[in-house]
Amino acid sequence: MILLVVAVLLLAVLIGSAAYLPLPVTLVAGAAIAVWLAVFAVRERRRHGSGNRTRRA
């Protein structure tokens, strides 16, 4: 969970500094953060997803 918070904070800093950075640098950094968040989401879904599917209400 802490990684998610760090990623969001980095994205916020990146957006804030986007006015000062060249566009290609901003796009590459944004893409790197997006990939990081996607990997995190997939790992969390694999870890917690299998337990929720077998349980029915």
C-alpha atoms as a PDB file:
ATOM      1  CA  MET A   1       0.000   0.000   0.000  1.00  0.00           C
ATOM      2  CA  ILE A   2       2.866   2.347   0.728  1.00  0.00           C
ATOM      3  CA  LEU A   3       4.109   1.856  -2.831  1.00  0.00           C
ATOM      4  CA  LEU A   4       0.771   3.062  -4.131  1.00  0.00           C
ATOM      5  CA  VAL A   5       0.984   6.200  -1.992  1.00  0.00           C
ATOM      6  CA  VAL A   6       4.526   6.873  -3.187  1.00  0.00           C
ATOM      7  CA  ALA A   7       3.490   6.406  -6.811  1.00  0.00           C
ATOM      8  CA  VAL A   8       0.596   8.829  -6.461  1.00  0.00           C
ATOM      9  CA  LEU A   9       2.837  11.385  -4.758  1.00  0.00           C
ATOM     10  CA  LEU A  10       5.410  11.040  -7.537  1.00  0.00           C
ATOM     11  CA  LEU A  11       2.680  11.529 -10.117  1.00  0.00           C
ATOM     12  CA  ALA A  12       1.527  14.677  -8.318  1.00  0.00           C
ATOM     13  CA  VAL A  13       5.066  16.052  -8.252  1.00  0.00           C
ATOM     14  CA  LEU A  14       5.460  15.193 -11.923  1.00  0.00           C
ATOM     15  CA  ILE A  15       2.245  16.990 -12.831  1.00  0.00           C
ATOM     16  CA  GLY A  16       3.339  20.011 -10.806  1.00  0.00           C
ATOM     17  CA  SER A  17       6.693  20.150 -12.532  1.00  0.00           C
ATOM     18  CA  ALA A  18       5.311  19.444 -16.011  1.00  0.00           C
ATOM     19  CA  ALA A  19       5.356  23.150 -16.822  1.00  0.00           C
ATOM     20  CA  TYR A  20       9.137  23.196 -16.363  1.00  0.00           C
ATOM     21  CA  LEU A  21      10.099  19.889 -17.963  1.00  0.00           C
ATOM     22  CA  PRO A  22      10.220  19.177 -21.675  1.00  0.00           C
ATOM     23  CA  LEU A  23       7.194  17.247 -22.938  1.00  0.00           C
ATOM     24  CA  PRO A  24       9.091  14.024 -23.824  1.00  0.00           C
ATOM     25  CA  VAL A  25      10.560  13.815 -20.310  1.00  0.00           C
ATOM     26  CA  THR A  26       7.125  14.327 -18.774  1.00  0.00           C
ATOM     27  CA  LEU A  27       5.566  11.658 -20.986  1.00  0.00           C
ATOM     28  CA  VAL A  28       8.289   9.098 -20.256  1.00  0.00           C
ATOM     29  CA  ALA A  29       8.089   9.679 -16.515  1.00  0.00           C
ATOM     30  CA  GLY A  30       4.286   9.520 -16.588  1.00  0.00           C
ATOM     31  CA  ALA A  31       4.391   6.283 -18.555  1.00  0.00           C
ATOM     32  CA  ALA A  32       6.857   4.778 -16.085  1.00  0.00           C
ATOM     33  CA  ILE A  33       4.571   5.634 -13.179  1.00  0.00           C
ATOM     34  CA  ALA A  34       1.556   4.232 -15.037  1.00  0.00           C
ATOM     35  CA  VAL A  35       3.388   0.943 -15.658  1.00  0.00           C
ATOM     36  CA  TRP A  36       4.418   0.818 -12.001  1.00  0.00           C
ATOM     37  CA  LEU A  37       0.792   1.283 -10.910  1.00  0.00           C
ATOM     38  CA  ALA A  38      -0.414  -1.360 -13.385  1.00  0.00           C
ATOM     39  CA  VAL A  39       2.119  -3.906 -12.097  1.00  0.00           C
ATOM     40  CA  PHE A  40       1.070  -3.123  -8.536  1.00  0.00           C
ATOM     41  CA  ALA A  41      -2.605  -3.576  -9.393  1.00  0.00           C
ATOM     42  CA  VAL A  42      -1.974  -6.931 -11.106  1.00  0.00           C
ATOM     43  CA  ARG A  43       0.065  -8.206  -8.170  1.00  0.00           C
ATOM     44  CA  GLU A  44      -2.606  -7.163  -5.678  1.00  0.00           C
ATOM     45  CA  ARG A  45      -5.377  -8.715  -7.761  1.00  0.00           C
ATOM     46  CA  ARG A  46      -3.486 -12.014  -7.944  1.00  0.00           C
ATOM     47  CA  ARG A  47      -2.827 -11.956  -4.207  1.00  0.00           C
ATOM     48  CA  HIS A  48      -6.369 -11.099  -3.096  1.00  0.00           C
ATOM     49  CA  GLY A  49      -8.490 -12.033  -6.091  1.00  0.00           C
ATOM     50  CA  SER A  50      -8.550 -15.806  -5.717  1.00  0.00           C
ATOM     51  CA  GLY A  51     -10.023 -15.718  -2.198  1.00  0.00           C
ATOM     52  CA  ASN A  52     -12.937 -13.508  -3.185  1.00  0.00           C
ATOM     53  CA  ARG A  53     -14.015 -15.598  -6.178  1.00  0.00           C
ATOM     54  CA  THR A  54     -14.587 -18.805  -4.215  1.00  0.00           C
ATOM     55  CA  ARG A  55     -16.771 -17.139  -1.582  1.00  0.00           C
ATOM     56  CA  ARG A  56     -20.403 -16.569  -2.519  1.00  0.00           C
ATOM     57  CA  ALA A  57     -23.086 -14.765  -0.526  1.00  0.00           C
END
